[in-house]
Each structure stands twice: as structure tokens, then as C-alpha cells.
Amino acid sequence: MGRKIDRISEENTVVAVGPVMFGSDHFPVIAGPCAVESQAQINAVAEAVSQAGASALRAAVVPTGASAYAFGGRGTQGVAWLVEAGRRSGLPVITQVNEPQHVEDWSHLVDMIEIGSSNMQNFELLRIVGQSKVPVLLKRASSATIDEWLWAAEYVLAEGNDQVVLVERGIRTFGESPTLDLTSVAIVKERSHLPVLALPSHAVASRTLVGKLTLAAHGVGADGVIVEVHPDPDSALANPENQIGFVEFAELMHELGVTRLRTGIDAIDYELVDLLARRQRLALKIGQAKAERGAPVRSPDREAELIERVRLQAAELGYAEDIVEEIYGLILEASRRAQEQLRNQP
């Protein structure tokens, strides 16, 4: 029995897909064409999105279109092309499965499998995917409630596979195209421990809005996005209106990059303060022990040893040794002050 999806603690699930950590990394971007059309096409996309900073390569090989006459994909041959393109570009690969045989044939070849919105409530497929133990992207169906979406994920988790990433890809409203439900991203982040991505490409019938919705998804706390990219979107065999070109993707990543880097710095700053507070708590315990045995607060030899050690570490990591020494001087001073205050308490 897997872990239930409802949040019962503050511990979030981190889904590892190759070197990418969904739920931990700062806003990873999955990119690739809607469908693998040819070896040349997927190779070109893989190279372009990798150079622009994408975290993973995604493309369908058996796309599910609204029409029976839509492009049917390249099947197993497409998987081979996709995997090779991923290896060449250094990106983990993701593809969609539509039936149990696809799971059996492809799950050992790719790094992550995707359940499309039309299969969100294909419970037999969900159980088989859960048994495969391969990381899963689970897209929300266009008419599904949040509860139905979460319960679909339970079918995967119940088989012992908690490596599930939820994907909001647009819901049916009064317009002709789906509407990206960013509210659901925020709600599910509160209700579930699973990572939640957004798929702006399928939420609008206009590629000019993909970038704006990507930035909006970041703003509401999504754990990443999926962006569909094609060498020549107008000639794409599947969903040409949803895909952006290489130049547009590079510009989006550049614009998003500032936000991603700032978010990363903010996270590191938070961690630094947390570590300083934890260090202070340990120092007070040591100070209490010193006070009980009548030892002085300051230990010059110990402090000199510590400063020397952190200077050596700074040199190894390419950071300024004098700045590290100054920082640790302040940290030690704060520690001594806290220990003195502890001793002076009645």
C-alpha cells in the first residue's frame, strides 16, 4: 500500500527523474514537441531546449487527438528516437502511454511515463503504471474536479508508487479552448504532498500566451511547467497552435531564468538562516555544559581551529577566505553573547 495523497504532514514528496528533483529543484521546465514526428525533428528540439536550460525532454509517440484522423504518432520507433535524443542532449526523457502494453514495452526505456488527460480515470492503466514503479506524470482531465484528479492519483499510489507528479493542463469552461486553472495548483499544493506542474501549452489556442501563463504558474507556486516546442510550429503534425519555436522558448527561459535564480537565492538564504539558528541552539547546549562544570565561555584554541578549517574549505570551493573568516567571527561572537546571557539568567 502506497502513501495516501492527502497531506498528513508537512513532508513533501520529491520525485526523482534522472538528475531532476520535482518538488525540490527550483521550477524545472519540461520541454519538447507535442509529438515525435521524425528523428531529425526530435534531435533538433532536444538540442535546442537543452541549450536553453530545459530540465527534461518530453514528447508523445502515440498522441491522443480530438479527431480520428489526427496524426497517430510513431509508436515504438518514436520511443527509440526520443531516448536517443535525450541521451545526446543529456536530458531525461518522458513519453505518454495509452494502454497497458505501452507500459510493458516502454517503461524500462524512458525515465518517466505520462498519463494523458483522456486516461486520467483509466483505472486499470493507473494500477499498471503504479506497479511499474516508474515516475509518473498524471494530467488532469479537462472536466475533472480536483477531488477526481487526486483520487486518480490514489490508484497509482495504492500500488506502492509514490513517484507521481500532478499536471494541471486546462479545464473546460465557456470558451472554445481550455482554461489553465491556476487556482487548482495552489489548492492541490495545500492538500497534497505531491509536486504539481502546469502545462500552459494546452490551456490556450494561442502560442503567444504560453510565456505569460508560464510566469503566472511560477507565481502561484507550481513546481515547474511543461512547454511544447517545435522547430516550425506552423508545420507541426499535432497541435501546431499550442507549440512555440526555438527562439520563443529561449526568450522565455531567459525571462524565467531571472525568476528561477532569484527563487534559488531566496531558498538558500532561508536555509542559511535556519542553519544559523540550529547552530545557535547547539552552541547553547554546549554553553550550558560549560557552565555546569565551571569552564569559561570562550575557547580560543577551538575558535582558531574552526577558523582555519572554514578558511581551507572556502579555498577549496573558490570562495574568499577573508570573507568567510569575517562571517565566522560574527557567528562566534553571537554564540558567546548568547552563552553569556544564559549564564546571567537567574
Protein backbone atom coordinates (compact mmCIF):
# COMPACT_ATOMS: atom_id res chain seq x y z
CA MET A 1 0.00 0.00 0.00
CA GLY A 2 1.44 3.36 -1.01
CA ARG A 3 1.33 6.65 0.83
CA LYS A 4 -2.06 8.38 0.68
CA ILE A 5 -2.23 11.57 -1.30
CA ASP A 6 -3.91 13.78 1.33
CA ARG A 7 -1.42 15.87 3.26
CA ILE A 8 -0.99 14.33 6.69
CA SER A 9 2.32 16.02 7.45
CA GLU A 10 4.49 18.84 6.19
CA GLU A 11 6.80 16.44 4.37
CA ASN A 12 6.52 16.81 0.59
CA THR A 13 7.26 14.03 -1.87
CA VAL A 14 10.26 14.65 -4.12
CA VAL A 15 10.09 12.81 -7.43
CA ALA A 16 13.49 11.98 -8.92
CA VAL A 17 13.69 11.76 -12.71
CA GLY A 18 17.34 11.34 -13.58
CA PRO A 19 19.09 14.36 -12.03
CA VAL A 20 15.85 16.36 -11.86
CA MET A 21 14.11 16.54 -8.48
CA PHE A 22 10.48 17.59 -8.90
CA GLY A 23 9.27 19.13 -5.67
CA SER A 24 12.80 20.15 -4.68
CA ASP A 25 14.51 21.77 -7.67
CA HIS A 26 13.62 25.37 -8.44
CA PHE A 27 10.97 25.35 -11.17
CA PRO A 28 12.25 22.73 -13.64
CA VAL A 29 10.97 23.13 -17.20
CA ILE A 30 10.00 20.06 -19.23
CA ALA A 31 10.13 20.83 -22.95
CA GLY A 32 9.64 19.09 -26.25
CA PRO A 33 7.27 18.80 -29.19
CA CYS A 34 3.69 17.66 -28.80
CA ALA A 35 4.66 14.54 -30.75
CA VAL A 36 7.74 12.85 -32.18
CA GLU A 37 7.45 13.30 -35.92
CA SER A 38 10.90 12.27 -37.16
CA GLN A 39 14.37 11.56 -35.86
CA ALA A 40 15.66 14.86 -37.25
CA GLN A 41 12.83 16.79 -35.60
CA ILE A 42 13.27 15.34 -32.10
CA ASN A 43 17.07 15.67 -32.30
CA ALA A 44 16.76 19.35 -33.22
CA VAL A 45 14.28 20.01 -30.41
CA ALA A 46 16.37 18.15 -27.83
CA GLU A 47 19.48 20.15 -28.69
CA ALA A 48 17.64 23.48 -28.67
CA VAL A 49 15.78 23.03 -25.38
CA SER A 50 18.85 21.59 -23.68
CA GLN A 51 20.93 24.61 -24.67
CA ALA A 52 18.17 26.92 -23.44
CA GLY A 53 18.15 25.30 -19.98
CA ALA A 54 15.32 22.75 -20.03
CA SER A 55 15.41 20.05 -17.36
CA ALA A 56 13.78 17.16 -19.27
CA LEU A 57 12.66 16.21 -22.79
CA ARG A 58 9.04 15.21 -23.36
CA ALA A 59 7.16 14.13 -26.48
CA ALA A 60 4.27 11.80 -27.24
CA VAL A 61 4.73 8.87 -29.59
CA VAL A 62 1.05 7.90 -29.54
CA PRO A 63 -0.72 11.26 -29.19
CA THR A 64 -4.44 11.30 -28.48
CA GLY A 65 -6.09 13.90 -30.68
CA ALA A 66 -9.69 15.01 -30.78
CA SER A 67 -10.06 13.65 -34.30
CA ALA A 68 -9.80 10.06 -35.50
CA TYR A 69 -7.90 11.44 -38.48
CA ALA A 70 -5.27 13.28 -36.45
CA PHE A 71 -1.58 12.32 -36.53
CA GLY A 72 -1.24 8.93 -34.83
CA GLY A 73 2.41 9.10 -33.80
CA ARG A 74 5.49 6.96 -34.43
CA GLY A 75 4.99 4.36 -31.70
CA THR A 76 7.97 2.25 -30.70
CA GLN A 77 10.18 3.79 -33.37
CA GLY A 78 9.38 7.19 -31.89
CA VAL A 79 10.41 5.99 -28.43
CA ALA A 80 13.78 4.91 -29.78
CA TRP A 81 14.31 8.29 -31.43
CA LEU A 82 13.21 10.10 -28.25
CA VAL A 83 15.52 8.10 -25.98
CA GLU A 84 18.48 8.60 -28.30
CA ALA A 85 17.82 12.34 -28.50
CA GLY A 86 17.65 12.50 -24.71
CA ARG A 87 20.97 10.73 -24.33
CA ARG A 88 22.64 13.00 -26.85
CA SER A 89 21.33 16.15 -25.16
CA GLY A 90 21.85 14.91 -21.60
CA LEU A 91 18.14 15.19 -20.72
CA PRO A 92 15.91 12.57 -19.07
CA VAL A 93 13.01 11.60 -21.34
CA ILE A 94 9.26 11.37 -20.82
CA THR A 95 6.57 9.93 -23.07
CA GLN A 96 2.87 9.17 -22.89
CA VAL A 97 1.35 5.71 -22.54
CA ASN A 98 -2.22 4.96 -23.58
CA GLU A 99 -2.56 1.26 -22.84
CA PRO A 100 -1.00 -1.46 -20.64
CA GLN A 101 1.17 -2.78 -23.47
CA HIS A 102 2.86 0.61 -23.76
CA VAL A 103 3.83 0.42 -20.09
CA GLU A 104 5.32 -3.03 -20.55
CA ASP A 105 7.18 -2.08 -23.73
CA TRP A 106 8.46 1.40 -22.89
CA SER A 107 8.67 1.91 -19.12
CA HIS A 108 12.19 0.42 -18.94
CA LEU A 109 13.39 2.68 -21.76
CA VAL A 110 12.21 6.11 -20.60
CA ASP A 111 12.82 7.97 -17.35
CA MET A 112 9.20 8.92 -16.71
CA ILE A 113 5.83 7.99 -18.17
CA GLU A 114 2.88 10.26 -18.73
CA ILE A 115 -0.82 9.57 -18.31
CA GLY A 116 -2.74 11.88 -20.62
CA SER A 117 -5.87 13.71 -19.58
CA SER A 118 -8.09 11.33 -21.56
CA ASN A 119 -6.76 8.42 -19.47
CA MET A 120 -6.90 10.13 -16.08
CA GLN A 121 -9.67 7.77 -14.98
CA ASN A 122 -8.45 4.69 -16.83
CA PHE A 123 -8.08 2.87 -13.54
CA GLU A 124 -6.64 -0.34 -15.00
CA LEU A 125 -3.89 1.66 -16.68
CA LEU A 126 -3.26 3.64 -13.50
CA ARG A 127 -2.79 0.46 -11.46
CA ILE A 128 -0.38 -1.00 -14.01
CA VAL A 129 1.60 2.24 -14.05
CA GLY A 130 1.69 2.13 -10.26
CA GLN A 131 3.06 -1.41 -10.34
CA SER A 132 5.79 -0.38 -12.78
CA LYS A 133 7.37 1.89 -10.09
CA VAL A 134 8.42 4.31 -12.86
CA PRO A 135 7.90 8.04 -12.10
CA VAL A 136 4.56 9.25 -13.45
CA LEU A 137 3.14 12.49 -14.84
CA LEU A 138 -0.62 12.47 -14.26
CA LYS A 139 -2.55 15.08 -16.24
CA ARG A 140 -5.88 16.36 -15.02
CA ALA A 141 -8.82 15.66 -17.33
CA SER A 142 -10.50 18.75 -18.75
CA SER A 143 -13.77 18.12 -16.90
CA ALA A 144 -12.36 16.57 -13.73
CA THR A 145 -12.83 18.10 -10.30
CA ILE A 146 -9.84 18.45 -8.02
CA ASP A 147 -11.10 15.52 -5.93
CA GLU A 148 -11.42 13.30 -9.01
CA TRP A 149 -7.89 14.25 -10.05
CA LEU A 150 -6.48 13.42 -6.63
CA TRP A 151 -8.40 10.16 -6.43
CA ALA A 152 -6.98 9.13 -9.81
CA ALA A 153 -3.51 9.62 -8.34
CA GLU A 154 -4.51 7.35 -5.44
CA TYR A 155 -4.76 4.42 -7.85
CA VAL A 156 -1.05 4.82 -8.63
CA LEU A 157 -0.05 5.38 -5.01
CA ALA A 158 -2.08 2.40 -3.83
CA GLU A 159 0.22 0.14 -5.85
CA GLY A 160 3.25 1.38 -3.92
CA ASN A 161 4.43 4.02 -6.39
CA ASP A 162 4.54 7.47 -4.79
CA GLN A 163 6.68 8.95 -7.58
CA VAL A 164 3.75 10.89 -9.00
CA VAL A 165 3.76 14.43 -10.39
CA LEU A 166 0.38 16.08 -10.99
CA VAL A 167 -0.14 18.23 -14.08
CA GLU A 168 -2.77 20.95 -14.48
CA ARG A 169 -3.33 21.29 -18.23
CA GLY A 170 -6.54 23.30 -18.54
CA ILE A 171 -10.21 22.71 -17.77
CA ARG A 172 -13.33 23.03 -19.88
CA THR A 173 -15.09 26.37 -19.46
CA PHE A 174 -17.31 28.58 -21.62
CA GLY A 175 -14.55 29.39 -24.09
CA GLU A 176 -13.53 27.41 -27.16
CA SER A 177 -10.15 26.46 -25.65
CA PRO A 178 -9.39 25.11 -22.13
CA THR A 179 -8.61 27.49 -19.29
CA LEU A 180 -5.48 26.95 -17.22
CA ASP A 181 -6.81 26.53 -13.68
CA LEU A 182 -4.02 28.10 -11.66
CA THR A 183 -6.27 28.19 -8.61
CA SER A 184 -6.21 24.39 -8.57
CA VAL A 185 -2.40 24.43 -8.47
CA ALA A 186 -2.43 26.43 -5.25
CA ILE A 187 -5.23 24.30 -3.75
CA VAL A 188 -3.58 20.98 -4.56
CA LYS A 189 -0.26 22.23 -3.18
CA GLU A 190 -2.06 22.72 0.15
CA ARG A 191 -3.99 19.47 0.06
CA SER A 192 -1.36 17.09 -1.28
CA HIS A 193 2.28 16.22 -0.71
CA LEU A 194 2.84 15.59 -4.45
CA PRO A 195 4.57 18.03 -6.83
CA VAL A 196 2.24 19.97 -9.13
CA LEU A 197 3.20 21.22 -12.60
CA ALA A 198 1.31 23.38 -15.09
CA LEU A 199 1.01 22.81 -18.84
CA PRO A 200 0.34 26.23 -20.38
CA SER A 201 0.74 24.92 -23.93
CA HIS A 202 -2.57 23.04 -23.84
CA ALA A 203 -4.51 25.67 -21.97
CA VAL A 204 -4.69 28.19 -24.81
CA ALA A 205 -5.15 28.03 -28.54
CA SER A 206 -2.55 30.75 -28.97
CA ARG A 207 1.19 30.26 -28.59
CA THR A 208 1.62 33.95 -27.73
CA LEU A 209 0.11 33.30 -24.29
CA VAL A 210 2.34 30.38 -23.35
CA GLY A 211 5.07 32.56 -21.85
CA LYS A 212 2.66 34.68 -19.82
CA LEU A 213 0.94 31.63 -18.36
CA THR A 214 4.30 30.02 -17.58
CA LEU A 215 5.29 33.03 -15.49
CA ALA A 216 1.86 33.04 -13.87
CA ALA A 217 2.26 29.35 -12.95
CA HIS A 218 5.53 30.20 -11.24
CA GLY A 219 3.80 32.98 -9.37
CA VAL A 220 1.19 30.71 -7.81
CA GLY A 221 3.77 28.20 -6.60
CA ALA A 222 3.78 25.49 -9.27
CA ASP A 223 6.71 23.08 -9.01
CA GLY A 224 7.52 23.51 -12.70
CA VAL A 225 5.95 23.63 -16.16
CA ILE A 226 5.70 21.71 -19.41
CA VAL A 227 6.21 23.76 -22.56
CA GLU A 228 5.72 22.34 -26.05
CA VAL A 229 8.44 23.36 -28.51
CA HIS A 230 8.73 22.64 -32.26
CA PRO A 231 11.30 23.62 -34.92
CA ASP A 232 8.49 25.03 -37.10
CA PRO A 233 5.24 25.21 -35.13
CA ASP A 234 3.09 26.12 -38.12
CA SER A 235 4.03 22.84 -39.83
CA ALA A 236 3.63 20.64 -36.75
CA LEU A 237 1.64 17.45 -37.35
CA ALA A 238 -0.10 17.73 -33.96
CA ASN A 239 -1.47 20.83 -32.20
CA PRO A 240 0.51 23.47 -34.11
CA GLU A 241 -1.28 26.31 -32.30
CA ASN A 242 0.00 25.09 -28.90
CA GLN A 243 3.71 24.95 -29.68
CA ILE A 244 6.35 27.66 -29.69
CA GLY A 245 9.56 27.91 -31.71
CA PHE A 246 13.16 27.72 -30.56
CA VAL A 247 13.65 31.49 -30.38
CA GLU A 248 10.48 31.98 -28.34
CA PHE A 249 11.48 29.19 -25.97
CA ALA A 250 14.96 30.63 -25.46
CA GLU A 251 13.45 34.06 -24.74
CA LEU A 252 11.00 32.52 -22.27
CA MET A 253 13.78 30.67 -20.47
CA HIS A 254 15.84 33.85 -20.34
CA GLU A 255 12.91 35.74 -18.83
CA LEU A 256 12.10 32.89 -16.48
CA GLY A 257 15.75 32.42 -15.59
CA VAL A 258 15.92 35.61 -13.59
CA THR A 259 12.95 34.48 -11.55
CA ARG A 260 14.35 30.97 -11.13
CA LEU A 261 17.74 32.29 -9.98
CA ARG A 262 16.14 34.72 -7.54
CA THR A 263 13.98 31.93 -6.18
CA GLY A 264 17.07 29.80 -5.73
CA ILE A 265 18.88 32.55 -3.87
CA ASP A 266 15.86 33.09 -1.63
CA ALA A 267 15.78 29.38 -0.80
CA ILE A 268 19.50 29.36 0.03
CA ASP A 269 19.12 32.46 2.22
CA TYR A 270 16.27 30.79 4.11
CA GLU A 271 18.40 27.67 4.58
CA LEU A 272 21.36 29.74 5.81
CA VAL A 273 19.26 31.42 8.49
CA ASP A 274 17.78 28.08 9.50
CA LEU A 275 21.27 26.57 9.82
CA LEU A 276 22.48 29.54 11.88
CA ALA A 277 19.54 29.13 14.25
CA ARG A 278 20.23 25.39 14.59
CA ARG A 279 23.91 26.09 15.24
CA GLN A 280 22.97 28.60 17.93
CA ARG A 281 20.76 26.06 19.69
CA LEU A 282 23.60 23.53 19.78
CA ALA A 283 26.03 26.21 20.98
CA LEU A 284 23.69 27.00 23.89
CA LYS A 285 23.64 23.35 24.90
CA ILE A 286 27.44 23.36 24.92
CA GLY A 287 27.39 26.61 26.87
CA GLN A 288 25.10 25.04 29.47
CA ALA A 289 27.50 22.12 29.85
CA LYS A 290 30.44 24.53 30.24
CA ALA A 291 28.59 26.50 32.89
CA GLU A 292 27.81 23.35 34.88
CA ARG A 293 31.47 22.41 35.12
CA GLY A 294 32.73 25.99 35.57
CA ALA A 295 34.53 26.22 32.20
CA PRO A 296 34.96 29.62 30.51
CA VAL A 297 32.67 30.64 27.66
CA ARG A 298 35.45 31.31 25.21
CA SER A 299 37.80 28.61 23.89
CA PRO A 300 40.48 30.42 21.85
CA ASP A 301 42.15 27.23 20.60
CA ARG A 302 38.82 25.77 19.47
CA GLU A 303 37.88 29.01 17.70
CA ALA A 304 41.27 29.22 15.94
CA GLU A 305 40.89 25.61 14.78
CA LEU A 306 37.39 26.33 13.43
CA ILE A 307 38.51 29.46 11.57
CA GLU A 308 41.39 27.59 9.97
CA ARG A 309 39.09 24.78 8.88
CA VAL A 310 36.48 27.04 7.27
CA ARG A 311 39.21 29.05 5.52
CA LEU A 312 40.55 25.85 3.97
CA GLN A 313 37.05 24.81 2.89
CA ALA A 314 36.43 28.25 1.36
CA ALA A 315 39.68 27.98 -0.60
CA GLU A 316 38.68 24.56 -1.93
CA LEU A 317 35.28 25.90 -3.03
CA GLY A 318 36.66 29.06 -4.60
CA TYR A 319 35.16 31.45 -2.06
CA ALA A 320 37.01 34.37 -0.45
CA GLU A 321 38.79 33.14 2.70
CA ASP A 322 38.88 36.54 4.40
CA ILE A 323 35.11 36.99 3.98
CA VAL A 324 34.46 33.55 5.46
CA GLU A 325 36.71 34.37 8.41
CA GLU A 326 34.85 37.64 8.97
CA ILE A 327 31.47 35.89 8.82
CA TYR A 328 32.53 33.23 11.29
CA GLY A 329 33.94 35.87 13.58
CA LEU A 330 30.44 37.34 13.80
CA ILE A 331 28.88 33.91 14.27
CA LEU A 332 31.24 33.09 17.14
CA GLU A 333 30.64 36.48 18.72
CA ALA A 334 26.87 35.90 18.62
CA SER A 335 27.36 32.45 20.14
CA ARG A 336 29.48 33.82 23.02
CA ARG A 337 26.93 36.56 23.68
CA ALA A 338 24.07 34.05 23.82
CA GLN A 339 26.05 31.80 26.21
CA GLU A 340 26.86 34.76 28.47
CA GLN A 341 23.17 35.71 28.59
CA LEU A 342 22.33 32.14 29.51
CA ARG A 343 24.76 32.21 32.43
CA ASN A 344 23.38 35.51 33.69
CA GLN A 345 19.82 34.25 33.84
CA PRO A 346 18.57 33.89 37.44
